[in-house]
């Protein structure tokens, strides 16, 4: 019976709940904007990585190198889009 219990998924779910509580603590403790953004960004990336590895089984397939390459490429495109938008709209690139 021990082999049938999804221990990894339950631990991942519990850690996901802990990360959510940490993110909610930003509101409860009324932190400064800078500290709140740091905490929210760190917990968001940790949550995304946890979801990818634990629940989407990214590391369990035979072709995990291409899966992680696609994830890195997607992350790169997202960051370039976000920072490019911030550069042109907020920081006043001329």
PDB file of N, CA and C in Angstrom:
ATOM      1  N   UNK A   1       0.820  -1.191   0.000  1.00  0.00           N
ATOM      2  CA  UNK A   1       0.000   0.000   0.000  1.00  0.00           C
ATOM      3  C   UNK A   1       0.865   1.256   0.000  1.00  0.00           C
ATOM      4  N   UNK A   2       2.027   1.161   0.630  1.00  0.00           N
ATOM      5  CA  UNK A   2       2.929   2.311   0.683  1.00  0.00           C
ATOM      6  C   UNK A   2       3.373   2.728  -0.718  1.00  0.00           C
ATOM      7  N   UNK A   3       3.499   1.770  -1.619  1.00  0.00           N
ATOM      8  CA  UNK A   3       3.938   2.075  -2.979  1.00  0.00           C
ATOM      9  C   UNK A   3       2.863   2.795  -3.781  1.00  0.00           C
ATOM     10  N   UNK A   4       1.587   2.640  -3.395  1.00  0.00           N
ATOM     11  CA  UNK A   4       0.492   3.262  -4.125  1.00  0.00           C
ATOM     12  C   UNK A   4       0.207   4.686  -3.662  1.00  0.00           C
ATOM     13  N   UNK A   5       0.695   5.078  -2.497  1.00  0.00           N
ATOM     14  CA  UNK A   5       0.430   6.414  -1.967  1.00  0.00           C
ATOM     15  C   UNK A   5       1.310   7.437  -2.680  1.00  0.00           C
ATOM     16  N   UNK A   6       0.728   8.483  -3.257  1.00  0.00           N
ATOM     17  CA  UNK A   6       1.518   9.477  -4.008  1.00  0.00           C
ATOM     18  C   UNK A   6       2.208  10.475  -3.072  1.00  0.00           C
ATOM     19  N   UNK A   7       3.210  10.004  -2.387  1.00  0.00           N
ATOM     20  CA  UNK A   7       3.890  10.834  -1.383  1.00  0.00           C
ATOM     21  C   UNK A   7       4.474  12.115  -1.989  1.00  0.00           C
ATOM     22  N   UNK A   8       5.072  12.011  -3.149  1.00  0.00           N
ATOM     23  CA  UNK A   8       5.676  13.177  -3.791  1.00  0.00           C
ATOM     24  C   UNK A   8       4.649  14.236  -4.144  1.00  0.00           C
ATOM     25  N   UNK A   9       3.499  13.793  -4.658  1.00  0.00           N
ATOM     26  CA  UNK A   9       2.461  14.747  -5.020  1.00  0.00           C
ATOM     27  C   UNK A   9       1.859  15.427  -3.786  1.00  0.00           C
ATOM     28  N   UNK A  10       1.697  14.677  -2.711  1.00  0.00           N
ATOM     29  CA  UNK A  10       1.157  15.263  -1.481  1.00  0.00           C
ATOM     30  C   UNK A  10       2.141  16.269  -0.896  1.00  0.00           C
ATOM     31  N   UNK A  11       3.423  15.936  -0.910  1.00  0.00           N
ATOM     32  CA  UNK A  11       4.436  16.875  -0.420  1.00  0.00           C
ATOM     33  C   UNK A  11       4.489  18.125  -1.317  1.00  0.00           C
ATOM     34  N   UNK A  12       4.377  17.935  -2.618  1.00  0.00           N
ATOM     35  CA  UNK A  12       4.354  19.069  -3.530  1.00  0.00           C
ATOM     36  C   UNK A  12       3.149  19.960  -3.288  1.00  0.00           C
ATOM     37  N   UNK A  13       1.991  19.342  -3.022  1.00  0.00           N
ATOM     38  CA  UNK A  13       0.793  20.115  -2.733  1.00  0.00           C
ATOM     39  C   UNK A  13       0.946  20.892  -1.426  1.00  0.00           C
ATOM     40  N   UNK A  14       1.520  20.254  -0.416  1.00  0.00           N
ATOM     41  CA  UNK A  14       1.724  20.936   0.866  1.00  0.00           C
ATOM     42  C   UNK A  14       2.693  22.107   0.700  1.00  0.00           C
ATOM     43  N   UNK A  15       3.763  21.912  -0.044  1.00  0.00           N
ATOM     44  CA  UNK A  15       4.717  22.992  -0.273  1.00  0.00           C
ATOM     45  C   UNK A  15       4.086  24.113  -1.095  1.00  0.00           C
ATOM     46  N   UNK A  16       3.202  23.743  -2.013  1.00  0.00           N
ATOM     47  CA  UNK A  16       2.486  24.739  -2.790  1.00  0.00           C
ATOM     48  C   UNK A  16       1.593  25.588  -1.886  1.00  0.00           C
ATOM     49  N   UNK A  17       0.947  24.959  -0.921  1.00  0.00           N
ATOM     50  CA  UNK A  17       0.134  25.702   0.040  1.00  0.00           C
ATOM     51  C   UNK A  17       0.993  26.630   0.898  1.00  0.00           C
ATOM     52  N   UNK A  18       2.170  26.168   1.287  1.00  0.00           N
ATOM     53  CA  UNK A  18       3.075  27.007   2.080  1.00  0.00           C
ATOM     54  C   UNK A  18       3.507  28.228   1.268  1.00  0.00           C
ATOM     55  N   UNK A  19       3.830  28.032   0.001  1.00  0.00           N
ATOM     56  CA  UNK A  19       4.222  29.159  -0.847  1.00  0.00           C
ATOM     57  C   UNK A  19       3.067  30.151  -1.019  1.00  0.00           C
ATOM     58  N   UNK A  20       1.850  29.642  -1.106  1.00  0.00           N
ATOM     59  CA  UNK A  20       0.689  30.521  -1.198  1.00  0.00           C
ATOM     60  C   UNK A  20       0.516  31.336   0.077  1.00  0.00           C
ATOM     61  N   UNK A  21       0.718  30.699   1.223  1.00  0.00           N
ATOM     62  CA  UNK A  21       0.615  31.419   2.496  1.00  0.00           C
ATOM     63  C   UNK A  21       1.698  32.489   2.623  1.00  0.00           C
ATOM     64  N   UNK A  22       2.889  32.199   2.135  1.00  0.00           N
ATOM     65  CA  UNK A  22       3.969  33.196   2.156  1.00  0.00           C
ATOM     66  C   UNK A  22       3.596  34.386   1.275  1.00  0.00           C
ATOM     67  N   UNK A  23       3.014  34.103   0.113  1.00  0.00           N
ATOM     68  CA  UNK A  23       2.589  35.196  -0.768  1.00  0.00           C
ATOM     69  C   UNK A  23       1.464  36.012  -0.130  1.00  0.00           C
ATOM     70  N   UNK A  24       0.559  35.361   0.563  1.00  0.00           N
ATOM     71  CA  UNK A  24      -0.518  36.083   1.235  1.00  0.00           C
ATOM     72  C   UNK A  24      -0.024  36.895   2.430  1.00  0.00           C
ATOM     73  N   UNK A  25       1.111  36.525   2.983  1.00  0.00           N
ATOM     74  CA  UNK A  25       1.656  37.270   4.119  1.00  0.00           C
ATOM     75  C   UNK A  25       2.048  38.690   3.720  1.00  0.00           C
ATOM     76  N   UNK A  26       2.257  38.915   2.430  1.00  0.00           N
ATOM     77  CA  UNK A  26       2.562  40.264   1.945  1.00  0.00           C
ATOM     78  C   UNK A  26       1.411  41.209   2.289  1.00  0.00           C
ATOM     79  N   UNK A  27       0.191  40.726   2.110  1.00  0.00           N
ATOM     80  CA  UNK A  27      -0.979  41.558   2.409  1.00  0.00           C
ATOM     81  C   UNK A  27      -1.187  41.671   3.917  1.00  0.00           C
ATOM     82  N   UNK A  28      -1.047  40.570   4.619  1.00  0.00           N
ATOM     83  CA  UNK A  28      -1.324  40.553   6.062  1.00  0.00           C
ATOM     84  C   UNK A  28      -0.372  41.474   6.816  1.00  0.00           C
ATOM     85  N   UNK A  29       0.909  41.450   6.462  1.00  0.00           N
ATOM     86  CA  UNK A  29       1.906  42.231   7.184  1.00  0.00           C
ATOM     87  C   UNK A  29       2.130  43.620   6.594  1.00  0.00           C
ATOM     88  N   UNK A  30       1.416  43.960   5.521  1.00  0.00           N
ATOM     89  CA  UNK A  30       1.476  45.277   4.898  1.00  0.00           C
ATOM     90  C   UNK A  30       2.925  45.721   4.646  1.00  0.00           C
ATOM     91  N   UNK A  31       3.637  44.912   3.875  1.00  0.00           N
ATOM     92  CA  UNK A  31       5.040  45.184   3.583  1.00  0.00           C
ATOM     93  C   UNK A  31       5.182  46.319   2.576  1.00  0.00           C
ATOM     94  N   UNK A  32       6.382  46.851   2.492  1.00  0.00           N
ATOM     95  CA  UNK A  32       6.648  47.904   1.509  1.00  0.00           C
ATOM     96  C   UNK A  32       6.538  47.327   0.101  1.00  0.00           C
ATOM     97  N   UNK A  33       6.370  48.194  -0.876  1.00  0.00           N
ATOM     98  CA  UNK A  33       6.180  47.754  -2.251  1.00  0.00           C
ATOM     99  C   UNK A  33       7.379  46.957  -2.755  1.00  0.00           C
ATOM    100  N   UNK A  34       8.575  47.426  -2.450  1.00  0.00           N
ATOM    101  CA  UNK A  34       9.790  46.747  -2.923  1.00  0.00           C
ATOM    102  C   UNK A  34       9.903  45.348  -2.335  1.00  0.00           C
ATOM    103  N   UNK A  35       9.702  45.233  -1.030  1.00  0.00           N
ATOM    104  CA  UNK A  35       9.796  43.929  -0.378  1.00  0.00           C
ATOM    105  C   UNK A  35       8.667  43.012  -0.839  1.00  0.00           C
ATOM    106  N   UNK A  36       7.479  43.572  -1.024  1.00  0.00           N
ATOM    107  CA  UNK A  36       6.342  42.768  -1.474  1.00  0.00           C
ATOM    108  C   UNK A  36       6.597  42.194  -2.860  1.00  0.00           C
ATOM    109  N   UNK A  37       7.131  42.991  -3.757  1.00  0.00           N
ATOM    110  CA  UNK A  37       7.403  42.523  -5.113  1.00  0.00           C
ATOM    111  C   UNK A  37       8.483  41.440  -5.128  1.00  0.00           C
ATOM    112  N   UNK A  38       9.486  41.600  -4.295  1.00  0.00           N
ATOM    113  CA  UNK A  38      10.541  40.579  -4.220  1.00  0.00           C
ATOM    114  C   UNK A  38       9.954  39.261  -3.742  1.00  0.00           C
ATOM    115  N   UNK A  39       9.171  39.308  -2.678  1.00  0.00           N
ATOM    116  CA  UNK A  39       8.575  38.079  -2.133  1.00  0.00           C
ATOM    117  C   UNK A  39       7.625  37.450  -3.140  1.00  0.00           C
ATOM    118  N   UNK A  40       6.805  38.259  -3.779  1.00  0.00           N
ATOM    119  CA  UNK A  40       5.846  37.721  -4.745  1.00  0.00           C
ATOM    120  C   UNK A  40       6.537  37.113  -5.963  1.00  0.00           C
ATOM    121  N   UNK A  41       7.584  37.751  -6.466  1.00  0.00           N
ATOM    122  CA  UNK A  41       8.298  37.197  -7.620  1.00  0.00           C
ATOM    123  C   UNK A  41       8.999  35.888  -7.276  1.00  0.00           C
ATOM    124  N   UNK A  42       9.647  35.841  -6.121  1.00  0.00           N
ATOM    125  CA  UNK A  42      10.352  34.619  -5.719  1.00  0.00           C
ATOM    126  C   UNK A  42       9.362  33.473  -5.526  1.00  0.00           C
ATOM    127  N   UNK A  43       8.267  33.735  -4.815  1.00  0.00           N
ATOM    128  CA  UNK A  43       7.297  32.661  -4.593  1.00  0.00           C
ATOM    129  C   UNK A  43       6.607  32.249  -5.890  1.00  0.00           C
ATOM    130  N   UNK A  44       6.386  33.192  -6.799  1.00  0.00           N
ATOM    131  CA  UNK A  44       5.751  32.847  -8.072  1.00  0.00           C
ATOM    132  C   UNK A  44       6.639  31.928  -8.908  1.00  0.00           C
ATOM    133  N   UNK A  45       7.931  32.234  -8.989  1.00  0.00           N
ATOM    134  CA  UNK A  45       8.831  31.378  -9.763  1.00  0.00           C
ATOM    135  C   UNK A  45       9.020  30.010  -9.104  1.00  0.00           C
ATOM    136  N   UNK A  46       9.069  29.999  -7.776  1.00  0.00           N
ATOM    137  CA  UNK A  46       9.170  28.711  -7.082  1.00  0.00           C
ATOM    138  C   UNK A  46       7.905  27.880  -7.302  1.00  0.00           C
ATOM    139  N   UNK A  47       6.761  28.528  -7.265  1.00  0.00           N
ATOM    140  CA  UNK A  47       5.489  27.846  -7.478  1.00  0.00           C
ATOM    141  C   UNK A  47       5.420  27.281  -8.903  1.00  0.00           C
ATOM    142  N   UNK A  48       5.840  28.062  -9.876  1.00  0.00           N
ATOM    143  CA  UNK A  48       5.822  27.600 -11.270  1.00  0.00           C
ATOM    144  C   UNK A  48       6.753  26.410 -11.468  1.00  0.00           C
ATOM    145  N   UNK A  49       7.927  26.469 -10.881  1.00  0.00           N
ATOM    146  CA  UNK A  49       8.867  25.351 -10.994  1.00  0.00           C
ATOM    147  C   UNK A  49       8.314  24.102 -10.306  1.00  0.00           C
ATOM    148  N   UNK A  50       7.720  24.284  -9.157  1.00  0.00           N
ATOM    149  CA  UNK A  50       7.123  23.160  -8.432  1.00  0.00           C
ATOM    150  C   UNK A  50       6.005  22.517  -9.248  1.00  0.00           C
ATOM    151  N   UNK A  51       5.137  23.334  -9.826  1.00  0.00           N
ATOM    152  CA  UNK A  51       4.040  22.807 -10.632  1.00  0.00           C
ATOM    153  C   UNK A  51       4.577  22.050 -11.844  1.00  0.00           C
ATOM    154  N   UNK A  52       5.604  22.592 -12.473  1.00  0.00           N
ATOM    155  CA  UNK A  52       6.168  21.966 -13.667  1.00  0.00           C
ATOM    156  C   UNK A  52       6.778  20.608 -13.356  1.00  0.00           C
ATOM    157  N   UNK A  53       7.535  20.546 -12.292  1.00  0.00           N
ATOM    158  CA  UNK A  53       8.254  19.310 -11.981  1.00  0.00           C
ATOM    159  C   UNK A  53       7.350  18.276 -11.311  1.00  0.00           C
ATOM    160  N   UNK A  54       6.561  18.708 -10.307  1.00  0.00           N
ATOM    161  CA  UNK A  54       5.793  17.750  -9.520  1.00  0.00           C
ATOM    162  C   UNK A  54       4.508  17.295 -10.203  1.00  0.00           C
ATOM    163  N   UNK A  55       3.767  18.212 -10.788  1.00  0.00           N
ATOM    164  CA  UNK A  55       2.443  17.867 -11.266  1.00  0.00           C
ATOM    165  C   UNK A  55       2.347  17.693 -12.774  1.00  0.00           C
ATOM    166  N   UNK A  56       3.291  18.267 -13.508  1.00  0.00           N
ATOM    167  CA  UNK A  56       3.274  18.096 -14.952  1.00  0.00           C
ATOM    168  C   UNK A  56       4.307  17.052 -15.377  1.00  0.00           C
ATOM    169  N   UNK A  57       5.043  16.511 -14.430  1.00  0.00           N
ATOM    170  CA  UNK A  57       5.988  15.409 -14.637  1.00  0.00           C
ATOM    171  C   UNK A  57       7.006  15.716 -15.726  1.00  0.00           C
ATOM    172  N   UNK A  58       7.566  16.917 -15.697  1.00  0.00           N
ATOM    173  CA  UNK A  58       8.508  17.322 -16.738  1.00  0.00           C
ATOM    174  C   UNK A  58       9.806  16.515 -16.683  1.00  0.00           C
ATOM    175  N   UNK A  59      10.237  16.111 -15.500  1.00  0.00           N
ATOM    176  CA  UNK A  59      11.499  15.396 -15.392  1.00  0.00           C
ATOM    177  C   UNK A  59      11.388  13.897 -15.528  1.00  0.00           C
ATOM    178  N   UNK A  60      10.185  13.378 -15.748  1.00  0.00           N
ATOM    179  CA  UNK A  60       9.997  11.936 -15.772  1.00  0.00           C
ATOM    180  C   UNK A  60       9.973  11.335 -17.166  1.00  0.00           C
ATOM    181  N   UNK A  61       9.931  12.154 -18.197  1.00  0.00           N
ATOM    182  CA  UNK A  61       9.860  11.615 -19.552  1.00  0.00           C
ATOM    183  C   UNK A  61      11.262  11.306 -20.081  1.00  0.00           C
ATOM    184  N   UNK A  62      11.292  10.583 -21.173  1.00  0.00           N
ATOM    185  CA  UNK A  62      12.582  10.232 -21.777  1.00  0.00           C
ATOM    186  C   UNK A  62      13.211  11.434 -22.478  1.00  0.00           C
ATOM    187  N   UNK A  63      12.385  12.372 -22.891  1.00  0.00           N
ATOM    188  CA  UNK A  63      12.859  13.525 -23.649  1.00  0.00           C
ATOM    189  C   UNK A  63      12.847  14.782 -22.782  1.00  0.00           C
ATOM    190  N   UNK A  64      13.344  14.667 -21.549  1.00  0.00           N
ATOM    191  CA  UNK A  64      13.266  15.804 -20.637  1.00  0.00           C
ATOM    192  C   UNK A  64      14.182  16.959 -21.037  1.00  0.00           C
ATOM    193  N   UNK A  65      15.230  16.695 -21.795  1.00  0.00           N
ATOM    194  CA  UNK A  65      16.121  17.779 -22.229  1.00  0.00           C
ATOM    195  C   UNK A  65      15.383  18.757 -23.141  1.00  0.00           C
ATOM    196  N   UNK A  66      14.594  18.240 -24.067  1.00  0.00           N
ATOM    197  CA  UNK A  66      13.863  19.139 -24.960  1.00  0.00           C
ATOM    198  C   UNK A  66      12.737  19.850 -24.216  1.00  0.00           C
ATOM    199  N   UNK A  67      12.148  19.210 -23.219  1.00  0.00           N
ATOM    200  CA  UNK A  67      11.100  19.867 -22.430  1.00  0.00           C
ATOM    201  C   UNK A  67      11.692  21.053 -21.677  1.00  0.00           C
ATOM    202  N   UNK A  68      12.818  20.844 -21.013  1.00  0.00           N
ATOM    203  CA  UNK A  68      13.437  21.938 -20.280  1.00  0.00           C
ATOM    204  C   UNK A  68      13.966  23.021 -21.222  1.00  0.00           C
ATOM    205  N   UNK A  69      14.435  22.645 -22.401  1.00  0.00           N
ATOM    206  CA  UNK A  69      14.870  23.639 -23.381  1.00  0.00           C
ATOM    207  C   UNK A  69      13.701  24.519 -23.801  1.00  0.00           C
ATOM    208  N   UNK A  70      12.547  23.913 -24.028  1.00  0.00           N
ATOM    209  CA  UNK A  70      11.360  24.697 -24.381  1.00  0.00           C
ATOM    210  C   UNK A  70      10.925  25.599 -23.239  1.00  0.00           C
ATOM    211  N   UNK A  71      11.035  25.135 -22.009  1.00  0.00           N
ATOM    212  CA  UNK A  71      10.685  25.963 -20.853  1.00  0.00           C
ATOM    213  C   UNK A  71      11.633  27.148 -20.756  1.00  0.00           C
ATOM    214  N   UNK A  72      12.921  26.912 -20.922  1.00  0.00           N
ATOM    215  CA  UNK A  72      13.898  28.010 -20.873  1.00  0.00           C
ATOM    216  C   UNK A  72      13.657  29.015 -21.991  1.00  0.00           C
ATOM    217  N   UNK A  73      13.330  28.508 -23.181  1.00  0.00           N
ATOM    218  CA  UNK A  73      13.037  29.408 -24.298  1.00  0.00           C
ATOM    219  C   UNK A  73      11.791  30.241 -24.004  1.00  0.00           C
ATOM    220  N   UNK A  74      10.762  29.629 -23.486  1.00  0.00           N
ATOM    221  CA  UNK A  74       9.548  30.356 -23.132  1.00  0.00           C
ATOM    222  C   UNK A  74       9.807  31.402 -22.064  1.00  0.00           C
ATOM    223  N   UNK A  75      10.615  31.060 -21.078  1.00  0.00           N
ATOM    224  CA  UNK A  75      10.975  32.009 -20.031  1.00  0.00           C
ATOM    225  C   UNK A  75      11.772  33.175 -20.611  1.00  0.00           C
ATOM    226  N   UNK A  76      12.690  32.883 -21.525  1.00  0.00           N
ATOM    227  CA  UNK A  76      13.471  33.927 -22.174  1.00  0.00           C
ATOM    228  C   UNK A  76      12.575  34.881 -22.965  1.00  0.00           C
ATOM    229  N   UNK A  77      11.650  34.337 -23.741  1.00  0.00           N
ATOM    230  CA  UNK A  77      10.740  35.165 -24.534  1.00  0.00           C
ATOM    231  C   UNK A  77       9.862  36.009 -23.608  1.00  0.00           C
ATOM    232  N   UNK A  78       9.383  35.424 -22.520  1.00  0.00           N
ATOM    233  CA  UNK A  78       8.545  36.165 -21.576  1.00  0.00           C
ATOM    234  C   UNK A  78       9.327  37.317 -20.951  1.00  0.00           C
ATOM    235  N   UNK A  79      10.554  37.056 -20.518  1.00  0.00           N
ATOM    236  CA  UNK A  79      11.356  38.103 -19.890  1.00  0.00           C
ATOM    237  C   UNK A  79      11.720  39.211 -20.868  1.00  0.00           C
ATOM    238  N   UNK A  80      12.059  38.851 -22.103  1.00  0.00           N
ATOM    239  CA  UNK A  80      12.367  39.868 -23.113  1.00  0.00           C
ATOM    240  C   UNK A  80      11.132  40.721 -23.395  1.00  0.00           C
ATOM    241  N   UNK A  81       9.970  40.092 -23.463  1.00  0.00           N
ATOM    242  CA  UNK A  81       8.732  40.838 -23.703  1.00  0.00           C
ATOM    243  C   UNK A  81       8.421  41.780 -22.550  1.00  0.00           C
ATOM    244  N   UNK A  82       8.536  41.279 -21.325  1.00  0.00           N
ATOM    245  CA  UNK A  82       8.231  42.099 -20.151  1.00  0.00           C
ATOM    246  C   UNK A  82       9.195  43.267 -20.032  1.00  0.00           C
ATOM    247  N   UNK A  83      10.501  42.983 -20.093  1.00  0.00           N
ATOM    248  CA  UNK A  83      11.471  44.056 -19.917  1.00  0.00           C
ATOM    249  C   UNK A  83      11.523  44.988 -21.123  1.00  0.00           C
ATOM    250  N   UNK A  84      11.248  44.485 -22.321  1.00  0.00           N
ATOM    251  CA  UNK A  84      11.168  45.351 -23.485  1.00  0.00           C
ATOM    252  C   UNK A  84       9.998  46.317 -23.382  1.00  0.00           C
ATOM    253  N   UNK A  85       8.874  45.826 -22.883  1.00  0.00           N
ATOM    254  CA  UNK A  85       7.717  46.686 -22.676  1.00  0.00           C
ATOM    255  C   UNK A  85       8.001  47.728 -21.603  1.00  0.00           C
ATOM    256  N   UNK A  86       8.628  47.309 -20.530  1.00  0.00           N
ATOM    257  CA  UNK A  86       8.965  48.256 -19.464  1.00  0.00           C
ATOM    258  C   UNK A  86       9.960  49.300 -19.963  1.00  0.00           C
ATOM    259  N   UNK A  87      10.897  48.883 -20.787  1.00  0.00           N
ATOM    260  CA  UNK A  87      11.895  49.804 -21.325  1.00  0.00           C
ATOM    261  C   UNK A  87      11.237  50.883 -22.167  1.00  0.00           C
ATOM    262  N   UNK A  88      10.316  50.480 -23.019  1.00  0.00           N
ATOM    263  CA  UNK A  88       9.715  51.457 -23.914  1.00  0.00           C
ATOM    264  C   UNK A  88       8.615  52.287 -23.269  1.00  0.00           C
ATOM    265  N   UNK A  89       7.869  51.719 -22.341  1.00  0.00           N
ATOM    266  CA  UNK A  89       6.714  52.443 -21.787  1.00  0.00           C
ATOM    267  C   UNK A  89       6.981  53.129 -20.462  1.00  0.00           C
ATOM    268  N   UNK A  90       7.850  52.592 -19.658  1.00  0.00           N
ATOM    269  CA  UNK A  90       8.056  53.151 -18.323  1.00  0.00           C
ATOM    270  C   UNK A  90       9.374  53.913 -18.224  1.00  0.00           C
ATOM    271  N   UNK A  91      10.429  53.297 -18.666  1.00  0.00           N
ATOM    272  CA  UNK A  91      11.739  53.901 -18.479  1.00  0.00           C
ATOM    273  C   UNK A  91      12.072  54.931 -19.539  1.00  0.00           C
ATOM    274  N   UNK A  92      11.203  55.141 -20.497  1.00  0.00           N
ATOM    275  CA  UNK A  92      11.340  56.218 -21.460  1.00  0.00           C
ATOM    276  C   UNK A  92      12.472  56.075 -22.440  1.00  0.00           C
ATOM    277  N   UNK A  93      12.583  54.916 -23.079  1.00  0.00           N
ATOM    278  CA  UNK A  93      13.590  54.747 -24.122  1.00  0.00           C
ATOM    279  C   UNK A  93      13.294  55.713 -25.257  1.00  0.00           C
ATOM    280  N   UNK A  94      14.305  56.447 -25.703  1.00  0.00           N
ATOM    281  CA  UNK A  94      14.067  57.436 -26.761  1.00  0.00           C
ATOM    282  C   UNK A  94      15.004  57.216 -27.920  1.00  0.00           C
TER     283      UNK A  94
END
